[in-house]
Amino acid sequence: GFVIEESATNNGGKRTIFVEIISLRTIVPLYFYTRFSETLDLVKGSMKLYKTDLPDMEKLKASAQTLQIGDPKIVEPLMYHRYTVKDEVTVLRVIGF
């Protein structure tokens, strides 16, 4: 599940922030946004982020990076991305601009 901390509908379109609790062994399908970026800020647990400019699975696999607590990663508009969680429940703060 997730909890919305701040919503663009209530702050003049500034940003949306939510905290997501992700179950173990979750694979989020490949997706992208056309108009805004996402900042992924790992709060607890572990996960891998994959991102690429093309929907190419080999390129996506090669892009894998393990997120670290305290080291947020930005996913720019039009970047295909997905993330995976392995063996522990993970908490992720997502900031959309």
PDB file of N, CA and C in Angstrom:
ATOM      1  N   GLY A   1       0.813  -1.174   0.000  1.00  0.00           N
ATOM      2  CA  GLY A   1       0.000   0.000   0.000  1.00  0.00           C
ATOM      3  C   GLY A   1       0.864   1.247   0.000  1.00  0.00           C
ATOM      4  N   PHE A   2       0.204   2.375  -0.035  1.00  0.00           N
ATOM      5  CA  PHE A   2       0.955   3.627  -0.002  1.00  0.00           C
ATOM      6  C   PHE A   2       0.156   4.721   0.686  1.00  0.00           C
ATOM      7  N   VAL A   3       0.906   5.735   1.120  1.00  0.00           N
ATOM      8  CA  VAL A   3       0.337   6.891   1.800  1.00  0.00           C
ATOM      9  C   VAL A   3       0.791   8.138   1.049  1.00  0.00           C
ATOM     10  N   ILE A   4      -0.140   9.008   0.696  1.00  0.00           N
ATOM     11  CA  ILE A   4       0.204  10.262   0.027  1.00  0.00           C
ATOM     12  C   ILE A   4       0.602  11.283   1.089  1.00  0.00           C
ATOM     13  N   GLU A   5       1.816  11.825   0.964  1.00  0.00           N
ATOM     14  CA  GLU A   5       2.297  12.856   1.888  1.00  0.00           C
ATOM     15  C   GLU A   5       1.975  14.252   1.376  1.00  0.00           C
ATOM     16  N   GLU A   6       1.995  14.414   0.056  1.00  0.00           N
ATOM     17  CA  GLU A   6       1.741  15.715  -0.562  1.00  0.00           C
ATOM     18  C   GLU A   6       1.189  15.450  -1.960  1.00  0.00           C
ATOM     19  N   SER A   7       0.236  16.254  -2.404  1.00  0.00           N
ATOM     20  CA  SER A   7      -0.389  16.027  -3.702  1.00  0.00           C
ATOM     21  C   SER A   7      -0.341  17.279  -4.573  1.00  0.00           C
ATOM     22  N   ALA A   8      -0.003  17.085  -5.839  1.00  0.00           N
ATOM     23  CA  ALA A   8       0.033  18.196  -6.790  1.00  0.00           C
ATOM     24  C   ALA A   8      -1.342  18.833  -6.961  1.00  0.00           C
ATOM     25  N   THR A   9      -2.393  18.094  -6.674  1.00  0.00           N
ATOM     26  CA  THR A   9      -3.740  18.669  -6.783  1.00  0.00           C
ATOM     27  C   THR A   9      -4.028  19.658  -5.663  1.00  0.00           C
ATOM     28  N   ASN A  10      -3.235  19.608  -4.581  1.00  0.00           N
ATOM     29  CA  ASN A  10      -3.441  20.507  -3.442  1.00  0.00           C
ATOM     30  C   ASN A  10      -2.340  21.543  -3.260  1.00  0.00           C
ATOM     31  N   ASN A  11      -1.321  21.532  -4.112  1.00  0.00           N
ATOM     32  CA  ASN A  11      -0.217  22.480  -3.933  1.00  0.00           C
ATOM     33  C   ASN A  11       0.117  23.241  -5.218  1.00  0.00           C
ATOM     34  N   GLY A  12      -0.885  23.452  -6.042  1.00  0.00           N
ATOM     35  CA  GLY A  12      -0.681  24.222  -7.267  1.00  0.00           C
ATOM     36  C   GLY A  12       0.149  23.515  -8.320  1.00  0.00           C
ATOM     37  N   GLY A  13       0.166  22.183  -8.291  1.00  0.00           N
ATOM     38  CA  GLY A  13       0.912  21.423  -9.288  1.00  0.00           C
ATOM     39  C   GLY A  13       2.390  21.298  -9.010  1.00  0.00           C
ATOM     40  N   LYS A  14       2.824  21.666  -7.808  1.00  0.00           N
ATOM     41  CA  LYS A  14       4.251  21.664  -7.466  1.00  0.00           C
ATOM     42  C   LYS A  14       4.861  20.262  -7.537  1.00  0.00           C
ATOM     43  N   ARG A  15       4.280  19.306  -6.808  1.00  0.00           N
ATOM     44  CA  ARG A  15       4.813  17.937  -6.788  1.00  0.00           C
ATOM     45  C   ARG A  15       3.845  17.020  -6.053  1.00  0.00           C
ATOM     46  N   THR A  16       4.078  15.726  -6.214  1.00  0.00           N
ATOM     47  CA  THR A  16       3.360  14.709  -5.453  1.00  0.00           C
ATOM     48  C   THR A  16       4.398  13.848  -4.755  1.00  0.00           C
ATOM     49  N   ILE A  17       4.168  13.573  -3.481  1.00  0.00           N
ATOM     50  CA  ILE A  17       5.057  12.702  -2.715  1.00  0.00           C
ATOM     51  C   ILE A  17       4.203  11.612  -2.086  1.00  0.00           C
ATOM     52  N   PHE A  18       4.633  10.360  -2.281  1.00  0.00           N
ATOM     53  CA  PHE A  18       3.962   9.274  -1.577  1.00  0.00           C
ATOM     54  C   PHE A  18       4.991   8.272  -1.085  1.00  0.00           C
ATOM     55  N   VAL A  19       4.615   7.557  -0.046  1.00  0.00           N
ATOM     56  CA  VAL A  19       5.455   6.506   0.512  1.00  0.00           C
ATOM     57  C   VAL A  19       4.770   5.185   0.206  1.00  0.00           C
ATOM     58  N   GLU A  20       5.521   4.300  -0.423  1.00  0.00           N
ATOM     59  CA  GLU A  20       4.987   3.013  -0.851  1.00  0.00           C
ATOM     60  C   GLU A  20       5.646   1.894  -0.057  1.00  0.00           C
ATOM     61  N   ILE A  21       4.837   0.991   0.457  1.00  0.00           N
ATOM     62  CA  ILE A  21       5.341  -0.218   1.113  1.00  0.00           C
ATOM     63  C   ILE A  21       5.223  -1.337   0.090  1.00  0.00           C
ATOM     64  N   ILE A  22       6.361  -1.918  -0.274  1.00  0.00           N
ATOM     65  CA  ILE A  22       6.416  -2.888  -1.364  1.00  0.00           C
ATOM     66  C   ILE A  22       6.691  -4.278  -0.796  1.00  0.00           C
ATOM     67  N   SER A  23       5.849  -5.217  -1.140  1.00  0.00           N
ATOM     68  CA  SER A  23       5.987  -6.598  -0.672  1.00  0.00           C
ATOM     69  C   SER A  23       7.235  -7.247  -1.244  1.00  0.00           C
ATOM     70  N   LEU A  24       7.744  -8.259  -0.536  1.00  0.00           N
ATOM     71  CA  LEU A  24       8.911  -8.964  -1.037  1.00  0.00           C
ATOM     72  C   LEU A  24       8.576  -9.683  -2.335  1.00  0.00           C
ATOM     73  N   ARG A  25       9.589  -9.853  -3.151  1.00  0.00           N
ATOM     74  CA  ARG A  25       9.508 -10.491  -4.457  1.00  0.00           C
ATOM     75  C   ARG A  25       8.565  -9.768  -5.431  1.00  0.00           C
ATOM     76  N   THR A  26       8.527  -8.450  -5.339  1.00  0.00           N
ATOM     77  CA  THR A  26       7.708  -7.643  -6.248  1.00  0.00           C
ATOM     78  C   THR A  26       8.529  -7.224  -7.464  1.00  0.00           C
ATOM     79  N   ILE A  27       7.910  -7.317  -8.628  1.00  0.00           N
ATOM     80  CA  ILE A  27       8.514  -6.814  -9.864  1.00  0.00           C
ATOM     81  C   ILE A  27       7.533  -5.812 -10.452  1.00  0.00           C
ATOM     82  N   VAL A  28       7.931  -4.558 -10.503  1.00  0.00           N
ATOM     83  CA  VAL A  28       7.086  -3.512 -11.089  1.00  0.00           C
ATOM     84  C   VAL A  28       7.338  -3.518 -12.595  1.00  0.00           C
ATOM     85  N   PRO A  29       6.291  -3.611 -13.400  1.00  0.00           N
ATOM     86  CA  PRO A  29       6.473  -3.660 -14.859  1.00  0.00           C
ATOM     87  C   PRO A  29       7.116  -2.384 -15.408  1.00  0.00           C
ATOM     88  N   LEU A  30       7.667  -2.506 -16.585  1.00  0.00           N
ATOM     89  CA  LEU A  30       8.304  -1.391 -17.278  1.00  0.00           C
ATOM     90  C   LEU A  30       7.278  -0.294 -17.573  1.00  0.00           C
ATOM     91  N   TYR A  31       7.645   0.962 -17.281  1.00  0.00           N
ATOM     92  CA  TYR A  31       6.755   2.092 -17.555  1.00  0.00           C
ATOM     93  C   TYR A  31       7.578   3.361 -17.731  1.00  0.00           C
ATOM     94  N   PHE A  32       6.927   4.443 -18.174  1.00  0.00           N
ATOM     95  CA  PHE A  32       7.589   5.738 -18.282  1.00  0.00           C
ATOM     96  C   PHE A  32       6.550   6.844 -18.175  1.00  0.00           C
ATOM     97  N   TYR A  33       7.038   8.048 -17.891  1.00  0.00           N
ATOM     98  CA  TYR A  33       6.194   9.241 -17.844  1.00  0.00           C
ATOM     99  C   TYR A  33       6.663  10.207 -18.913  1.00  0.00           C
ATOM    100  N   THR A  34       5.729  10.948 -19.482  1.00  0.00           N
ATOM    101  CA  THR A  34       6.097  11.898 -20.534  1.00  0.00           C
ATOM    102  C   THR A  34       6.328  13.304 -20.008  1.00  0.00           C
ATOM    103  N   ARG A  35       5.708  13.650 -18.869  1.00  0.00           N
ATOM    104  CA  ARG A  35       5.738  15.055 -18.439  1.00  0.00           C
ATOM    105  C   ARG A  35       6.479  15.325 -17.139  1.00  0.00           C
ATOM    106  N   PHE A  36       6.845  14.321 -16.387  1.00  0.00           N
ATOM    107  CA  PHE A  36       7.521  14.621 -15.126  1.00  0.00           C
ATOM    108  C   PHE A  36       8.543  13.558 -14.771  1.00  0.00           C
ATOM    109  N   SER A  37       9.421  13.939 -13.856  1.00  0.00           N
ATOM    110  CA  SER A  37      10.446  13.018 -13.361  1.00  0.00           C
ATOM    111  C   SER A  37       9.998  12.438 -12.029  1.00  0.00           C
ATOM    112  N   GLU A  38      10.663  11.369 -11.640  1.00  0.00           N
ATOM    113  CA  GLU A  38      10.426  10.734 -10.344  1.00  0.00           C
ATOM    114  C   GLU A  38      11.746  10.662  -9.602  1.00  0.00           C
ATOM    115  N   THR A  39      11.714  10.980  -8.330  1.00  0.00           N
ATOM    116  CA  THR A  39      12.865  10.736  -7.473  1.00  0.00           C
ATOM    117  C   THR A  39      12.501   9.566  -6.577  1.00  0.00           C
ATOM    118  N   LEU A  40      13.324   8.524  -6.603  1.00  0.00           N
ATOM    119  CA  LEU A  40      13.100   7.326  -5.802  1.00  0.00           C
ATOM    120  C   LEU A  40      14.060   7.365  -4.621  1.00  0.00           C
ATOM    121  N   ASP A  41      13.504   7.435  -3.428  1.00  0.00           N
ATOM    122  CA  ASP A  41      14.280   7.578  -2.197  1.00  0.00           C
ATOM    123  C   ASP A  41      13.996   6.373  -1.303  1.00  0.00           C
ATOM    124  N   LEU A  42      14.946   5.450  -1.240  1.00  0.00           N
ATOM    125  CA  LEU A  42      14.786   4.237  -0.442  1.00  0.00           C
ATOM    126  C   LEU A  42      14.815   4.579   1.043  1.00  0.00           C
ATOM    127  N   VAL A  43      13.787   4.162   1.765  1.00  0.00           N
ATOM    128  CA  VAL A  43      13.679   4.431   3.197  1.00  0.00           C
ATOM    129  C   VAL A  43      14.080   3.206   4.012  1.00  0.00           C
ATOM    130  N   LYS A  44      13.684   2.021   3.545  1.00  0.00           N
ATOM    131  CA  LYS A  44      13.951   0.774   4.270  1.00  0.00           C
ATOM    132  C   LYS A  44      13.956  -0.374   3.277  1.00  0.00           C
ATOM    133  N   GLY A  45      14.800  -1.370   3.518  1.00  0.00           N
ATOM    134  CA  GLY A  45      14.819  -2.550   2.663  1.00  0.00           C
ATOM    135  C   GLY A  45      15.844  -2.441   1.556  1.00  0.00           C
ATOM    136  N   SER A  46      15.577  -3.142   0.463  1.00  0.00           N
ATOM    137  CA  SER A  46      16.493  -3.108  -0.675  1.00  0.00           C
ATOM    138  C   SER A  46      15.712  -3.324  -1.964  1.00  0.00           C
ATOM    139  N   MET A  47      16.213  -2.698  -3.013  1.00  0.00           N
ATOM    140  CA  MET A  47      15.578  -2.850  -4.317  1.00  0.00           C
ATOM    141  C   MET A  47      16.559  -2.476  -5.411  1.00  0.00           C
ATOM    142  N   LYS A  48      16.265  -2.939  -6.626  1.00  0.00           N
ATOM    143  CA  LYS A  48      17.056  -2.580  -7.799  1.00  0.00           C
ATOM    144  C   LYS A  48      16.205  -1.740  -8.725  1.00  0.00           C
ATOM    145  N   LEU A  49      16.844  -0.734  -9.305  1.00  0.00           N
ATOM    146  CA  LEU A  49      16.223   0.142 -10.293  1.00  0.00           C
ATOM    147  C   LEU A  49      16.860  -0.148 -11.647  1.00  0.00           C
ATOM    148  N   TYR A  50      16.032  -0.225 -12.660  1.00  0.00           N
ATOM    149  CA  TYR A  50      16.470  -0.412 -14.035  1.00  0.00           C
ATOM    150  C   TYR A  50      15.896   0.745 -14.838  1.00  0.00           C
ATOM    151  N   LYS A  51      16.720   1.418 -15.636  1.00  0.00           N
ATOM    152  CA  LYS A  51      16.186   2.500 -16.473  1.00  0.00           C
ATOM    153  C   LYS A  51      17.003   2.640 -17.748  1.00  0.00           C
ATOM    154  N   THR A  52      16.302   2.978 -18.823  1.00  0.00           N
ATOM    155  CA  THR A  52      16.926   3.134 -20.126  1.00  0.00           C
ATOM    156  C   THR A  52      16.056   4.029 -21.005  1.00  0.00           C
ATOM    157  N   ASP A  53      16.649   4.564 -22.054  1.00  0.00           N
ATOM    158  CA  ASP A  53      15.898   5.449 -22.951  1.00  0.00           C
ATOM    159  C   ASP A  53      15.110   4.694 -24.020  1.00  0.00           C
ATOM    160  N   LEU A  54      15.324   3.393 -24.136  1.00  0.00           N
ATOM    161  CA  LEU A  54      14.616   2.568 -25.116  1.00  0.00           C
ATOM    162  C   LEU A  54      14.017   1.338 -24.429  1.00  0.00           C
ATOM    163  N   PRO A  55      12.899   0.820 -24.933  1.00  0.00           N
ATOM    164  CA  PRO A  55      12.307  -0.377 -24.321  1.00  0.00           C
ATOM    165  C   PRO A  55      13.028  -1.652 -24.762  1.00  0.00           C
ATOM    166  N   ASP A  56      14.311  -1.701 -24.525  1.00  0.00           N
ATOM    167  CA  ASP A  56      15.177  -2.804 -24.924  1.00  0.00           C
ATOM    168  C   ASP A  56      15.553  -3.587 -23.667  1.00  0.00           C
ATOM    169  N   MET A  57      15.154  -4.853 -23.585  1.00  0.00           N
ATOM    170  CA  MET A  57      15.353  -5.636 -22.358  1.00  0.00           C
ATOM    171  C   MET A  57      16.828  -5.864 -22.036  1.00  0.00           C
ATOM    172  N   GLU A  58      17.667  -6.047 -23.036  1.00  0.00           N
ATOM    173  CA  GLU A  58      19.097  -6.236 -22.769  1.00  0.00           C
ATOM    174  C   GLU A  58      19.702  -4.963 -22.182  1.00  0.00           C
ATOM    175  N   LYS A  59      19.355  -3.842 -22.768  1.00  0.00           N
ATOM    176  CA  LYS A  59      19.843  -2.553 -22.269  1.00  0.00           C
ATOM    177  C   LYS A  59      19.305  -2.303 -20.858  1.00  0.00           C
ATOM    178  N   LEU A  60      18.062  -2.673 -20.633  1.00  0.00           N
ATOM    179  CA  LEU A  60      17.446  -2.503 -19.317  1.00  0.00           C
ATOM    180  C   LEU A  60      18.176  -3.341 -18.265  1.00  0.00           C
ATOM    181  N   LYS A  61      18.440  -4.609 -18.574  1.00  0.00           N
ATOM    182  CA  LYS A  61      19.153  -5.485 -17.634  1.00  0.00           C
ATOM    183  C   LYS A  61      20.534  -4.922 -17.290  1.00  0.00           C
ATOM    184  N   ALA A  62      21.207  -4.375 -18.290  1.00  0.00           N
ATOM    185  CA  ALA A  62      22.554  -3.829 -18.085  1.00  0.00           C
ATOM    186  C   ALA A  62      22.550  -2.562 -17.231  1.00  0.00           C
ATOM    187  N   SER A  63      21.402  -1.930 -17.088  1.00  0.00           N
ATOM    188  CA  SER A  63      21.324  -0.665 -16.348  1.00  0.00           C
ATOM    189  C   SER A  63      21.080  -0.845 -14.851  1.00  0.00           C
ATOM    190  N   ALA A  64      20.972  -2.071 -14.380  1.00  0.00           N
ATOM    191  CA  ALA A  64      20.593  -2.344 -12.985  1.00  0.00           C
ATOM    192  C   ALA A  64      21.481  -1.605 -11.993  1.00  0.00           C
ATOM    193  N   GLN A  65      20.828  -0.954 -11.030  1.00  0.00           N
ATOM    194  CA  GLN A  65      21.559  -0.332  -9.930  1.00  0.00           C
ATOM    195  C   GLN A  65      20.797  -0.595  -8.636  1.00  0.00           C
ATOM    196  N   THR A  66      21.531  -0.957  -7.604  1.00  0.00           N
ATOM    197  CA  THR A  66      20.929  -1.199  -6.304  1.00  0.00           C
ATOM    198  C   THR A  66      20.768   0.132  -5.592  1.00  0.00           C
ATOM    199  N   LEU A  67      19.539   0.437  -5.191  1.00  0.00           N
ATOM    200  CA  LEU A  67      19.301   1.681  -4.459  1.00  0.00           C
ATOM    201  C   LEU A  67      19.866   1.564  -3.052  1.00  0.00           C
ATOM    202  N   GLN A  68      20.372   2.679  -2.542  1.00  0.00           N
ATOM    203  CA  GLN A  68      20.923   2.751  -1.194  1.00  0.00           C
ATOM    204  C   GLN A  68      20.114   3.754  -0.380  1.00  0.00           C
ATOM    205  N   ILE A  69      19.910   3.450   0.878  1.00  0.00           N
ATOM    206  CA  ILE A  69      19.226   4.389   1.771  1.00  0.00           C
ATOM    207  C   ILE A  69      20.052   5.672   1.844  1.00  0.00           C
ATOM    208  N   GLY A  70      19.395   6.816   1.680  1.00  0.00           N
ATOM    209  CA  GLY A  70      20.077   8.108   1.735  1.00  0.00           C
ATOM    210  C   GLY A  70      20.702   8.553   0.427  1.00  0.00           C
ATOM    211  N   ASP A  71      20.496   7.791  -0.653  1.00  0.00           N
ATOM    212  CA  ASP A  71      21.058   8.137  -1.961  1.00  0.00           C
ATOM    213  C   ASP A  71      19.955   8.052  -3.021  1.00  0.00           C
ATOM    214  N   PRO A  72      19.060   9.061  -3.067  1.00  0.00           N
ATOM    215  CA  PRO A  72      17.937   9.018  -4.006  1.00  0.00           C
ATOM    216  C   PRO A  72      18.397   9.019  -5.462  1.00  0.00           C
ATOM    217  N   LYS A  73      17.600   8.393  -6.312  1.00  0.00           N
ATOM    218  CA  LYS A  73      17.881   8.342  -7.748  1.00  0.00           C
ATOM    219  C   LYS A  73      16.744   9.015  -8.501  1.00  0.00           C
ATOM    220  N   ILE A  74      17.101   9.771  -9.532  1.00  0.00           N
ATOM    221  CA  ILE A  74      16.112  10.470 -10.350  1.00  0.00           C
ATOM    222  C   ILE A  74      15.898   9.702 -11.649  1.00  0.00           C
ATOM    223  N   VAL A  75      14.636   9.551 -12.001  1.00  0.00           N
ATOM    224  CA  VAL A  75      14.257   8.980 -13.294  1.00  0.00           C
ATOM    225  C   VAL A  75      13.631  10.116 -14.099  1.00  0.00           C
ATOM    226  N   GLU A  76      14.295  10.497 -15.167  1.00  0.00           N
ATOM    227  CA  GLU A  76      13.875  11.622 -15.982  1.00  0.00           C
ATOM    228  C   GLU A  76      12.664  11.250 -16.841  1.00  0.00           C
ATOM    229  N   PRO A  77      11.917  12.274 -17.317  1.00  0.00           N
ATOM    230  CA  PRO A  77      10.812  11.994 -18.233  1.00  0.00           C
ATOM    231  C   PRO A  77      11.300  11.217 -19.461  1.00  0.00           C
ATOM    232  N   LEU A  78      10.442  10.371 -19.976  1.00  0.00           N
ATOM    233  CA  LEU A  78      10.678   9.546 -21.163  1.00  0.00           C
ATOM    234  C   LEU A  78      11.702   8.437 -20.950  1.00  0.00           C
ATOM    235  N   MET A  79      12.148   8.215 -19.721  1.00  0.00           N
ATOM    236  CA  MET A  79      13.036   7.087 -19.431  1.00  0.00           C
ATOM    237  C   MET A  79      12.177   5.886 -19.033  1.00  0.00           C
ATOM    238  N   TYR A  80      12.353   4.794 -19.744  1.00  0.00           N
ATOM    239  CA  TYR A  80      11.678   3.559 -19.361  1.00  0.00           C
ATOM    240  C   TYR A  80      12.323   3.073 -18.072  1.00  0.00           C
ATOM    241  N   HIS A  81      11.515   2.627 -17.134  1.00  0.00           N
ATOM    242  CA  HIS A  81      12.086   2.143 -15.885  1.00  0.00           C
ATOM    243  C   HIS A  81      11.170   1.133 -15.207  1.00  0.00           C
ATOM    244  N   ARG A  82      11.783   0.373 -14.329  1.00  0.00           N
ATOM    245  CA  ARG A  82      11.079  -0.591 -13.495  1.00  0.00           C
ATOM    246  C   ARG A  82      11.937  -0.828 -12.274  1.00  0.00           C
ATOM    247  N   TYR A  83      11.364  -1.442 -11.266  1.00  0.00           N
ATOM    248  CA  TYR A  83      12.163  -1.803 -10.110  1.00  0.00           C
ATOM    249  C   TYR A  83      11.703  -3.127  -9.553  1.00  0.00           C
ATOM    250  N   THR A  84      12.632  -3.771  -8.844  1.00  0.00           N
ATOM    251  CA  THR A  84      12.363  -5.084  -8.266  1.00  0.00           C
ATOM    252  C   THR A  84      12.765  -5.092  -6.795  1.00  0.00           C
ATOM    253  N   VAL A  85      12.021  -5.862  -6.031  1.00  0.00           N
ATOM    254  CA  VAL A  85      12.303  -6.068  -4.611  1.00  0.00           C
ATOM    255  C   VAL A  85      12.480  -7.565  -4.424  1.00  0.00           C
ATOM    256  N   LYS A  86      13.509  -7.970  -3.712  1.00  0.00           N
ATOM    257  CA  LYS A  86      13.786  -9.399  -3.535  1.00  0.00           C
ATOM    258  C   LYS A  86      13.201  -9.950  -2.239  1.00  0.00           C
ATOM    259  N   ASP A  87      14.004 -10.026  -1.194  1.00  0.00           N
ATOM    260  CA  ASP A  87      13.676 -10.849  -0.033  1.00  0.00           C
ATOM    261  C   ASP A  87      13.238 -10.110   1.221  1.00  0.00           C
ATOM    262  N   GLU A  88      12.868  -8.847   1.112  1.00  0.00           N
ATOM    263  CA  GLU A  88      12.377  -8.154   2.299  1.00  0.00           C
ATOM    264  C   GLU A  88      11.389  -7.062   1.911  1.00  0.00           C
ATOM    265  N   VAL A  89      10.460  -6.804   2.800  1.00  0.00           N
ATOM    266  CA  VAL A  89       9.521  -5.709   2.581  1.00  0.00           C
ATOM    267  C   VAL A  89      10.330  -4.419   2.498  1.00  0.00           C
ATOM    268  N   THR A  90       9.994  -3.581   1.543  1.00  0.00           N
ATOM    269  CA  THR A  90      10.763  -2.373   1.261  1.00  0.00           C
ATOM    270  C   THR A  90       9.857  -1.148   1.327  1.00  0.00           C
ATOM    271  N   VAL A  91      10.404  -0.046   1.829  1.00  0.00           N
ATOM    272  CA  VAL A  91       9.662   1.214   1.901  1.00  0.00           C
ATOM    273  C   VAL A  91      10.374   2.220   0.998  1.00  0.00           C
ATOM    274  N   LEU A  92       9.605   2.826   0.098  1.00  0.00           N
ATOM    275  CA  LEU A  92      10.147   3.743  -0.897  1.00  0.00           C
ATOM    276  C   LEU A  92       9.351   5.043  -0.878  1.00  0.00           C
ATOM    277  N   ARG A  93      10.049   6.166  -0.797  1.00  0.00           N
ATOM    278  CA  ARG A  93       9.407   7.478  -0.943  1.00  0.00           C
ATOM    279  C   ARG A  93       9.597   7.899  -2.404  1.00  0.00           C
ATOM    280  N   VAL A  94       8.504   8.257  -3.049  1.00  0.00           N
ATOM    281  CA  VAL A  94       8.533   8.653  -4.457  1.00  0.00           C
ATOM    282  C   VAL A  94       8.099  10.111  -4.554  1.00  0.00           C
ATOM    283  N   ILE A  95       8.928  10.914  -5.206  1.00  0.00           N
ATOM    284  CA  ILE A  95       8.632  12.332  -5.393  1.00  0.00           C
ATOM    285  C   ILE A  95       8.502  12.574  -6.890  1.00  0.00           C
ATOM    286  N   GLY A  96       7.323  13.007  -7.311  1.00  0.00           N
ATOM    287  CA  GLY A  96       7.078  13.293  -8.720  1.00  0.00           C
ATOM    288  C   GLY A  96       6.994  14.787  -8.944  1.00  0.00           C
ATOM    289  N   PHE A  97       7.762  15.308  -9.896  1.00  0.00           N
ATOM    290  CA  PHE A  97       7.773  16.738 -10.211  1.00  0.00           C
ATOM    291  C   PHE A  97       7.056  16.961 -11.520  1.00  0.00           C
TER     292      PHE A  97
END
